[in-house]
Amino acid sequence: MKTLLILHGWQSSKEKWQAVKEKIEQYNENSSRCIRVTAPDLPGFKKETGLTHPWDLGDYLNWLEKFSSEIPEPFFLLGHSFGGRLAIKFALRHPEKLNGLILVGTAGIKHKKTSFELFLSKIAKMGNKFYFLPFFSFFRKIFYRFIVRKTDYLKTEGLLKETFKKIVAEDLTPFLPQVQIPCLIIWGKNDKITPLEDANLLKEKIKNSRLEILENVGHTPYLETPEKLAEIIINFLSRSFKRGGIKESF
């Protein structure tokens, strides 16, 4: 039996991946090759997994190393968005522990800010000086949601806000060529959180990789099209079974 370990995104949960998990388990019923799916809650996003201090990506990596130590043999690792950041770092440190890597709408590519984005940042900083005014919170939400079009930071409070700052500060682009295991990249064509150009960059930088683009899908394919997503994942895992190891390319 092979194991697929799923790492969800920022402020998400294992429950969001239940439909994909069930589809893969249905595959088990009709196949001689069984896939065990485990999808833990990443620390920090539920009351029972709250943090006691701000974490960086290294802290999450240490947690993943401890969690995955219970898996007795090489496994497949899937990461979505923030979970993809963590999956890449784990693949770099422990390639011998993985049969394959699956990146879904993965974050970690740091873009140079455009002139317009720099302008918006200045407006945001200036606006923060007026926090004492009535309706400040309302207009701030409108600004981030409809003008900046980024809400992860806005939804983050307390220790998670400092954790978020630490996480997004690291650019994983320089490390991508070091990923040596088979890698499947899955992306929603209409993804507005992690744009399609990021998927193309991952495909270019990770030598042993293949890109699957989902039409009419955004940043949450596990909710928008779980059946199709599960099908692509199963095909990747099945090909790996046939290859008989992690050395061979696509």
C-alpha atoms as a PDB file:
ATOM      1  CA  MET A   1       0.000   0.000   0.000  1.00  0.00           C
ATOM      2  CA  LYS A   2       1.230   3.462  -0.956  1.00  0.00           C
ATOM      3  CA  THR A   3       0.460   6.594   1.042  1.00  0.00           C
ATOM      4  CA  LEU A   4      -0.623   9.987  -0.309  1.00  0.00           C
ATOM      5  CA  LEU A   5      -0.124  12.807   2.191  1.00  0.00           C
ATOM      6  CA  ILE A   6      -2.151  15.956   1.445  1.00  0.00           C
ATOM      7  CA  LEU A   7      -1.158  19.391   2.798  1.00  0.00           C
ATOM      8  CA  HIS A   8      -3.979  21.925   2.583  1.00  0.00           C
ATOM      9  CA  GLY A   9      -3.673  25.666   2.026  1.00  0.00           C
ATOM     10  CA  TRP A  10      -3.557  28.715   4.265  1.00  0.00           C
ATOM     11  CA  GLN A  11      -6.407  28.868   6.805  1.00  0.00           C
ATOM     12  CA  SER A  12      -7.975  25.811   5.219  1.00  0.00           C
ATOM     13  CA  SER A  13      -8.568  22.354   6.716  1.00  0.00           C
ATOM     14  CA  LYS A  14      -8.493  18.644   5.967  1.00  0.00           C
ATOM     15  CA  GLU A  15     -12.279  18.630   5.581  1.00  0.00           C
ATOM     16  CA  LYS A  16     -12.017  20.676   2.378  1.00  0.00           C
ATOM     17  CA  TRP A  17     -10.239  17.708   0.746  1.00  0.00           C
ATOM     18  CA  GLN A  18     -12.779  15.087   1.806  1.00  0.00           C
ATOM     19  CA  ALA A  19     -14.412  14.768  -1.644  1.00  0.00           C
ATOM     20  CA  VAL A  20     -11.036  14.147  -3.323  1.00  0.00           C
ATOM     21  CA  LYS A  21     -10.101  11.673  -0.584  1.00  0.00           C
ATOM     22  CA  GLU A  22     -13.337   9.741  -1.109  1.00  0.00           C
ATOM     23  CA  LYS A  23     -12.831   9.571  -4.886  1.00  0.00           C
ATOM     24  CA  ILE A  24      -9.358   8.095  -4.432  1.00  0.00           C
ATOM     25  CA  GLU A  25     -10.680   5.604  -1.893  1.00  0.00           C
ATOM     26  CA  GLN A  26     -13.331   4.546  -4.421  1.00  0.00           C
ATOM     27  CA  TYR A  27     -10.478   3.797  -6.824  1.00  0.00           C
ATOM     28  CA  ASN A  28      -9.085   1.438  -4.198  1.00  0.00           C
ATOM     29  CA  GLU A  29     -12.246  -0.627  -4.351  1.00  0.00           C
ATOM     30  CA  ASN A  30     -11.670  -1.397  -8.038  1.00  0.00           C
ATOM     31  CA  SER A  31      -7.900  -1.770  -8.066  1.00  0.00           C
ATOM     32  CA  SER A  32      -5.345  -4.220  -6.758  1.00  0.00           C
ATOM     33  CA  ARG A  33      -3.129  -1.253  -5.854  1.00  0.00           C
ATOM     34  CA  CYS A  34      -4.353   0.513  -2.724  1.00  0.00           C
ATOM     35  CA  ILE A  35      -3.645   4.154  -1.929  1.00  0.00           C
ATOM     36  CA  ARG A  36      -3.893   5.269   1.669  1.00  0.00           C
ATOM     37  CA  VAL A  37      -4.827   8.967   1.875  1.00  0.00           C
ATOM     38  CA  THR A  38      -3.997  11.042   4.932  1.00  0.00           C
ATOM     39  CA  ALA A  39      -4.798  14.740   5.165  1.00  0.00           C
ATOM     40  CA  PRO A  40      -3.844  16.293   8.512  1.00  0.00           C
ATOM     41  CA  ASP A  41      -4.772  19.753   9.720  1.00  0.00           C
ATOM     42  CA  LEU A  42      -1.748  22.018   9.484  1.00  0.00           C
ATOM     43  CA  PRO A  43      -1.034  23.788  12.785  1.00  0.00           C
ATOM     44  CA  GLY A  44      -2.443  27.233  13.433  1.00  0.00           C
ATOM     45  CA  PHE A  45      -5.802  27.245  11.690  1.00  0.00           C
ATOM     46  CA  LYS A  46      -8.073  25.622  14.286  1.00  0.00           C
ATOM     47  CA  LYS A  47      -8.490  26.242  17.994  1.00  0.00           C
ATOM     48  CA  GLU A  48      -7.101  22.822  18.856  1.00  0.00           C
ATOM     49  CA  THR A  49      -4.005  23.370  16.677  1.00  0.00           C
ATOM     50  CA  GLY A  50      -3.296  26.974  17.674  1.00  0.00           C
ATOM     51  CA  LEU A  51       0.262  28.303  17.756  1.00  0.00           C
ATOM     52  CA  THR A  52       2.024  29.559  20.874  1.00  0.00           C
ATOM     53  CA  HIS A  53       4.415  31.757  18.869  1.00  0.00           C
ATOM     54  CA  PRO A  54       4.784  32.895  15.243  1.00  0.00           C
ATOM     55  CA  TRP A  55       6.054  30.115  12.969  1.00  0.00           C
ATOM     56  CA  ASP A  56       8.140  30.299   9.832  1.00  0.00           C
ATOM     57  CA  LEU A  57       8.403  27.714   7.059  1.00  0.00           C
ATOM     58  CA  GLY A  58      11.161  25.950   8.979  1.00  0.00           C
ATOM     59  CA  ASP A  59       8.827  25.370  11.920  1.00  0.00           C
ATOM     60  CA  TYR A  60       6.196  23.867   9.620  1.00  0.00           C
ATOM     61  CA  LEU A  61       8.880  21.698   8.034  1.00  0.00           C
ATOM     62  CA  ASN A  62       9.923  20.384  11.448  1.00  0.00           C
ATOM     63  CA  TRP A  63       6.277  19.568  12.191  1.00  0.00           C
ATOM     64  CA  LEU A  64       5.913  17.725   8.859  1.00  0.00           C
ATOM     65  CA  GLU A  65       9.089  15.719   9.480  1.00  0.00           C
ATOM     66  CA  LYS A  66       7.696  14.549  12.812  1.00  0.00           C
ATOM     67  CA  PHE A  67       4.250  13.777  11.392  1.00  0.00           C
ATOM     68  CA  SER A  68       5.571  11.885   8.368  1.00  0.00           C
ATOM     69  CA  SER A  69       7.965   9.812  10.490  1.00  0.00           C
ATOM     70  CA  GLU A  70       4.972   7.579  11.226  1.00  0.00           C
ATOM     71  CA  ILE A  71       4.724   6.627   7.528  1.00  0.00           C
ATOM     72  CA  PRO A  72       6.839   3.456   7.175  1.00  0.00           C
ATOM     73  CA  GLU A  73       7.936   3.780   3.523  1.00  0.00           C
ATOM     74  CA  PRO A  74       8.375   6.404   0.772  1.00  0.00           C
ATOM     75  CA  PHE A  75       5.111   8.217   0.093  1.00  0.00           C
ATOM     76  CA  PHE A  76       3.529  10.701  -2.312  1.00  0.00           C
ATOM     77  CA  LEU A  77       3.253  14.295  -1.112  1.00  0.00           C
ATOM     78  CA  LEU A  78       0.603  16.744  -2.363  1.00  0.00           C
ATOM     79  CA  GLY A  79       0.583  20.404  -1.415  1.00  0.00           C
ATOM     80  CA  HIS A  80      -1.996  23.056  -2.264  1.00  0.00           C
ATOM     81  CA  SER A  81      -1.145  26.770  -2.150  1.00  0.00           C
ATOM     82  CA  PHE A  82       0.657  27.296   1.190  1.00  0.00           C
ATOM     83  CA  GLY A  83       0.839  23.518   1.552  1.00  0.00           C
ATOM     84  CA  GLY A  84       2.737  23.498  -1.742  1.00  0.00           C
ATOM     85  CA  ARG A  85       5.415  25.729  -0.250  1.00  0.00           C
ATOM     86  CA  LEU A  86       5.863  23.222   2.537  1.00  0.00           C
ATOM     87  CA  ALA A  87       5.829  20.266   0.133  1.00  0.00           C
ATOM     88  CA  ILE A  88       8.633  21.781  -1.958  1.00  0.00           C
ATOM     89  CA  LYS A  89      10.818  22.372   1.092  1.00  0.00           C
ATOM     90  CA  PHE A  90      10.244  18.796   2.290  1.00  0.00           C
ATOM     91  CA  ALA A  91      11.069  17.392  -1.162  1.00  0.00           C
ATOM     92  CA  LEU A  92      14.345  19.308  -1.148  1.00  0.00           C
ATOM     93  CA  ARG A  93      15.365  18.064   2.296  1.00  0.00           C
ATOM     94  CA  HIS A  94      14.053  14.479   2.062  1.00  0.00           C
ATOM     95  CA  PRO A  95      13.859  13.288  -1.569  1.00  0.00           C
ATOM     96  CA  GLU A  96      14.554   9.727  -0.411  1.00  0.00           C
ATOM     97  CA  LYS A  97      11.264   9.719   1.518  1.00  0.00           C
ATOM     98  CA  LEU A  98       9.097  10.560  -1.499  1.00  0.00           C
ATOM     99  CA  ASN A  99       7.810   8.574  -4.457  1.00  0.00           C
ATOM    100  CA  GLY A 100       6.483  11.708  -6.106  1.00  0.00           C
ATOM    101  CA  LEU A 101       5.435  15.314  -5.585  1.00  0.00           C
ATOM    102  CA  ILE A 102       2.101  16.910  -6.546  1.00  0.00           C
ATOM    103  CA  LEU A 103       1.780  20.711  -6.509  1.00  0.00           C
ATOM    104  CA  VAL A 104      -1.706  22.227  -6.800  1.00  0.00           C
ATOM    105  CA  GLY A 105      -1.975  26.003  -7.216  1.00  0.00           C
ATOM    106  CA  THR A 106       1.236  26.278  -5.240  1.00  0.00           C
ATOM    107  CA  ALA A 107       2.400  29.505  -3.632  1.00  0.00           C
ATOM    108  CA  GLY A 108       6.043  30.451  -3.138  1.00  0.00           C
ATOM    109  CA  ILE A 109       6.896  32.405  -6.287  1.00  0.00           C
ATOM    110  CA  LYS A 110       7.737  35.947  -5.274  1.00  0.00           C
ATOM    111  CA  HIS A 111       6.996  38.531  -7.956  1.00  0.00           C
ATOM    112  CA  LYS A 112       8.532  41.947  -8.311  1.00  0.00           C
ATOM    113  CA  LYS A 113       5.879  44.513  -7.537  1.00  0.00           C
ATOM    114  CA  THR A 114       4.592  46.583 -10.422  1.00  0.00           C
ATOM    115  CA  SER A 115       4.394  50.376 -10.210  1.00  0.00           C
ATOM    116  CA  PHE A 116       0.658  50.081  -9.611  1.00  0.00           C
ATOM    117  CA  GLU A 117       1.146  47.594  -6.771  1.00  0.00           C
ATOM    118  CA  LEU A 118       3.760  49.849  -5.159  1.00  0.00           C
ATOM    119  CA  PHE A 119       1.259  52.698  -5.428  1.00  0.00           C
ATOM    120  CA  LEU A 120      -1.420  50.575  -3.731  1.00  0.00           C
ATOM    121  CA  SER A 121       1.007  49.685  -0.940  1.00  0.00           C
ATOM    122  CA  LYS A 122       1.623  53.349  -0.248  1.00  0.00           C
ATOM    123  CA  ILE A 123      -2.105  53.998  -0.130  1.00  0.00           C
ATOM    124  CA  ALA A 124      -2.564  51.101   2.295  1.00  0.00           C
ATOM    125  CA  LYS A 125       0.154  52.438   4.615  1.00  0.00           C
ATOM    126  CA  MET A 126      -1.308  55.935   4.502  1.00  0.00           C
ATOM    127  CA  GLY A 127      -4.778  54.554   5.152  1.00  0.00           C
ATOM    128  CA  ASN A 128      -3.637  52.726   8.286  1.00  0.00           C
ATOM    129  CA  LYS A 129      -3.036  56.101   9.938  1.00  0.00           C
ATOM    130  CA  PHE A 130      -6.790  56.648   9.982  1.00  0.00           C
ATOM    131  CA  TYR A 131      -7.684  53.459  11.878  1.00  0.00           C
ATOM    132  CA  PHE A 132      -9.529  55.536  14.528  1.00  0.00           C
ATOM    133  CA  LEU A 133     -12.112  56.857  12.083  1.00  0.00           C
ATOM    134  CA  PRO A 134     -15.638  55.383  11.832  1.00  0.00           C
ATOM    135  CA  PHE A 135     -16.081  52.753   9.081  1.00  0.00           C
ATOM    136  CA  PHE A 136     -12.266  52.307   8.773  1.00  0.00           C
ATOM    137  CA  SER A 137     -12.574  48.517   9.031  1.00  0.00           C
ATOM    138  CA  PHE A 138     -15.296  48.421   6.369  1.00  0.00           C
ATOM    139  CA  PHE A 139     -13.352  50.483   3.820  1.00  0.00           C
ATOM    140  CA  ARG A 140     -10.170  48.497   4.540  1.00  0.00           C
ATOM    141  CA  LYS A 141     -11.945  45.247   3.644  1.00  0.00           C
ATOM    142  CA  ILE A 142     -13.278  46.804   0.439  1.00  0.00           C
ATOM    143  CA  PHE A 143      -9.782  48.013  -0.489  1.00  0.00           C
ATOM    144  CA  TYR A 144      -8.105  44.620  -0.036  1.00  0.00           C
ATOM    145  CA  ARG A 145     -10.895  42.553  -1.575  1.00  0.00           C
ATOM    146  CA  PHE A 146     -11.730  44.581  -4.678  1.00  0.00           C
ATOM    147  CA  ILE A 147      -8.663  46.743  -5.349  1.00  0.00           C
ATOM    148  CA  VAL A 148      -5.636  44.818  -4.055  1.00  0.00           C
ATOM    149  CA  ARG A 149      -7.551  41.524  -4.592  1.00  0.00           C
ATOM    150  CA  LYS A 150      -5.645  39.797  -1.791  1.00  0.00           C
ATOM    151  CA  THR A 151      -7.501  38.739   1.344  1.00  0.00           C
ATOM    152  CA  ASP A 152      -5.244  36.172   3.086  1.00  0.00           C
ATOM    153  CA  TYR A 153      -3.484  38.889   5.078  1.00  0.00           C
ATOM    154  CA  LEU A 154      -6.751  40.654   5.826  1.00  0.00           C
ATOM    155  CA  LYS A 155      -8.298  37.470   7.271  1.00  0.00           C
ATOM    156  CA  THR A 156      -5.242  36.743   9.415  1.00  0.00           C
ATOM    157  CA  GLU A 157      -5.027  37.936  13.013  1.00  0.00           C
ATOM    158  CA  GLY A 158      -2.777  37.616  16.044  1.00  0.00           C
ATOM    159  CA  LEU A 159       0.083  35.121  15.859  1.00  0.00           C
ATOM    160  CA  LEU A 160      -1.033  33.993  12.408  1.00  0.00           C
ATOM    161  CA  LYS A 161      -0.476  37.493  11.032  1.00  0.00           C
ATOM    162  CA  GLU A 162       3.183  37.393  12.075  1.00  0.00           C
ATOM    163  CA  THR A 163       3.414  33.810  10.804  1.00  0.00           C
ATOM    164  CA  PHE A 164       1.974  34.887   7.464  1.00  0.00           C
ATOM    165  CA  LYS A 165       4.599  37.628   7.123  1.00  0.00           C
ATOM    166  CA  LYS A 166       7.395  35.134   7.793  1.00  0.00           C
ATOM    167  CA  ILE A 167       5.997  32.597   5.310  1.00  0.00           C
ATOM    168  CA  VAL A 168       5.481  34.936   2.343  1.00  0.00           C
ATOM    169  CA  ALA A 169       8.891  36.557   2.805  1.00  0.00           C
ATOM    170  CA  GLU A 170      10.643  33.486   1.385  1.00  0.00           C
ATOM    171  CA  ASP A 171      10.949  33.106  -2.390  1.00  0.00           C
ATOM    172  CA  LEU A 172      11.258  29.456  -3.429  1.00  0.00           C
ATOM    173  CA  THR A 173      12.128  30.165  -7.065  1.00  0.00           C
ATOM    174  CA  PRO A 174      15.918  29.638  -6.648  1.00  0.00           C
ATOM    175  CA  PHE A 175      15.325  26.183  -5.118  1.00  0.00           C
ATOM    176  CA  LEU A 176      13.035  24.768  -7.818  1.00  0.00           C
ATOM    177  CA  PRO A 177      15.807  23.337 -10.068  1.00  0.00           C
ATOM    178  CA  GLN A 178      16.965  21.273  -7.089  1.00  0.00           C
ATOM    179  CA  VAL A 179      13.727  19.245  -7.039  1.00  0.00           C
ATOM    180  CA  GLN A 180      14.745  15.898  -8.534  1.00  0.00           C
ATOM    181  CA  ILE A 181      11.749  13.611  -7.986  1.00  0.00           C
ATOM    182  CA  PRO A 182       8.818  13.208 -10.422  1.00  0.00           C
ATOM    183  CA  CYS A 183       6.518  16.187 -10.001  1.00  0.00           C
ATOM    184  CA  LEU A 184       2.955  16.719 -11.194  1.00  0.00           C
ATOM    185  CA  ILE A 185       1.782  20.346 -11.333  1.00  0.00           C
ATOM    186  CA  ILE A 186      -1.991  20.937 -11.358  1.00  0.00           C
ATOM    187  CA  TRP A 187      -3.405  24.414 -11.902  1.00  0.00           C
ATOM    188  CA  GLY A 188      -6.751  26.120 -12.393  1.00  0.00           C
ATOM    189  CA  LYS A 189      -6.619  28.231 -15.545  1.00  0.00           C
ATOM    190  CA  ASN A 190      -8.673  30.951 -13.837  1.00  0.00           C
ATOM    191  CA  ASP A 191      -6.629  30.993 -10.636  1.00  0.00           C
ATOM    192  CA  LYS A 192      -6.416  34.598  -9.390  1.00  0.00           C
ATOM    193  CA  ILE A 193      -4.481  33.836  -6.204  1.00  0.00           C
ATOM    194  CA  THR A 194      -1.542  32.017  -7.780  1.00  0.00           C
ATOM    195  CA  PRO A 195      -1.585  32.957 -11.491  1.00  0.00           C
ATOM    196  CA  LEU A 196      -1.003  30.488 -14.312  1.00  0.00           C
ATOM    197  CA  GLU A 197       2.376  32.067 -15.051  1.00  0.00           C
ATOM    198  CA  ASP A 198       3.553  30.568 -11.732  1.00  0.00           C
ATOM    199  CA  ALA A 199       2.596  27.105 -12.978  1.00  0.00           C
ATOM    200  CA  ASN A 200       4.591  27.647 -16.163  1.00  0.00           C
ATOM    201  CA  LEU A 201       7.598  28.766 -14.131  1.00  0.00           C
ATOM    202  CA  LEU A 202       7.386  25.652 -11.949  1.00  0.00           C
ATOM    203  CA  LYS A 203       7.207  23.501 -15.068  1.00  0.00           C
ATOM    204  CA  GLU A 204      10.250  25.261 -16.519  1.00  0.00           C
ATOM    205  CA  LYS A 205      12.380  25.097 -13.375  1.00  0.00           C
ATOM    206  CA  ILE A 206      11.511  21.583 -12.149  1.00  0.00           C
ATOM    207  CA  LYS A 207      13.116  19.285 -14.691  1.00  0.00           C
ATOM    208  CA  ASN A 208      11.165  16.085 -14.069  1.00  0.00           C
ATOM    209  CA  SER A 209       7.679  17.633 -14.093  1.00  0.00           C
ATOM    210  CA  ARG A 210       4.413  17.676 -16.006  1.00  0.00           C
ATOM    211  CA  LEU A 211       1.706  20.361 -16.007  1.00  0.00           C
ATOM    212  CA  GLU A 212      -2.050  19.720 -16.030  1.00  0.00           C
ATOM    213  CA  ILE A 213      -4.269  22.792 -16.533  1.00  0.00           C
ATOM    214  CA  LEU A 214      -7.920  22.688 -15.444  1.00  0.00           C
ATOM    215  CA  GLU A 215     -10.199  24.775 -17.649  1.00  0.00           C
ATOM    216  CA  ASN A 216     -12.768  27.065 -15.999  1.00  0.00           C
ATOM    217  CA  VAL A 217     -11.294  26.369 -12.557  1.00  0.00           C
ATOM    218  CA  GLY A 218      -9.843  28.800 -10.029  1.00  0.00           C
ATOM    219  CA  HIS A 219      -7.710  28.374  -6.923  1.00  0.00           C
ATOM    220  CA  THR A 220      -9.790  25.642  -5.260  1.00  0.00           C
ATOM    221  CA  PRO A 221     -10.055  22.670  -7.644  1.00  0.00           C
ATOM    222  CA  TYR A 222     -10.632  20.339  -4.679  1.00  0.00           C
ATOM    223  CA  LEU A 223     -13.971  22.132  -4.218  1.00  0.00           C
ATOM    224  CA  GLU A 224     -14.731  23.169  -7.808  1.00  0.00           C
ATOM    225  CA  THR A 225     -13.965  19.894  -9.567  1.00  0.00           C
ATOM    226  CA  PRO A 226     -12.953  17.191  -7.047  1.00  0.00           C
ATOM    227  CA  GLU A 227     -13.771  14.349  -9.446  1.00  0.00           C
ATOM    228  CA  LYS A 228     -11.429  15.624 -12.161  1.00  0.00           C
ATOM    229  CA  LEU A 229      -8.724  16.493  -9.654  1.00  0.00           C
ATOM    230  CA  ALA A 230      -8.886  13.011  -8.114  1.00  0.00           C
ATOM    231  CA  GLU A 231      -8.733  11.442 -11.580  1.00  0.00           C
ATOM    232  CA  ILE A 232      -5.539  13.330 -12.455  1.00  0.00           C
ATOM    233  CA  ILE A 233      -3.961  12.419  -9.126  1.00  0.00           C
ATOM    234  CA  ILE A 234      -4.860   8.724  -9.526  1.00  0.00           C
ATOM    235  CA  ASN A 235      -3.381   8.647 -13.050  1.00  0.00           C
ATOM    236  CA  PHE A 236      -0.131  10.090 -11.735  1.00  0.00           C
ATOM    237  CA  LEU A 237       0.039   7.576  -8.899  1.00  0.00           C
ATOM    238  CA  SER A 238      -0.833   4.692 -11.243  1.00  0.00           C
ATOM    239  CA  ARG A 239       1.968   5.633 -13.652  1.00  0.00           C
ATOM    240  CA  SER A 240       4.348   5.719 -10.714  1.00  0.00           C
ATOM    241  CA  PHE A 241       3.318   2.188  -9.736  1.00  0.00           C
ATOM    242  CA  LYS A 242       4.109   1.047 -13.291  1.00  0.00           C
ATOM    243  CA  ARG A 243       7.463   2.847 -13.315  1.00  0.00           C
ATOM    244  CA  GLY A 244       8.391   0.923 -10.200  1.00  0.00           C
ATOM    245  CA  GLY A 245      10.326   3.690  -8.524  1.00  0.00           C
ATOM    246  CA  ILE A 246      11.103   7.384  -8.305  1.00  0.00           C
ATOM    247  CA  LYS A 247      14.064   7.473 -10.675  1.00  0.00           C
ATOM    248  CA  GLU A 248      12.246   7.419 -14.010  1.00  0.00           C
ATOM    249  CA  SER A 249      10.902  10.508 -15.748  1.00  0.00           C
ATOM    250  CA  PHE A 250       7.515  11.059 -17.341  1.00  0.00           C
END
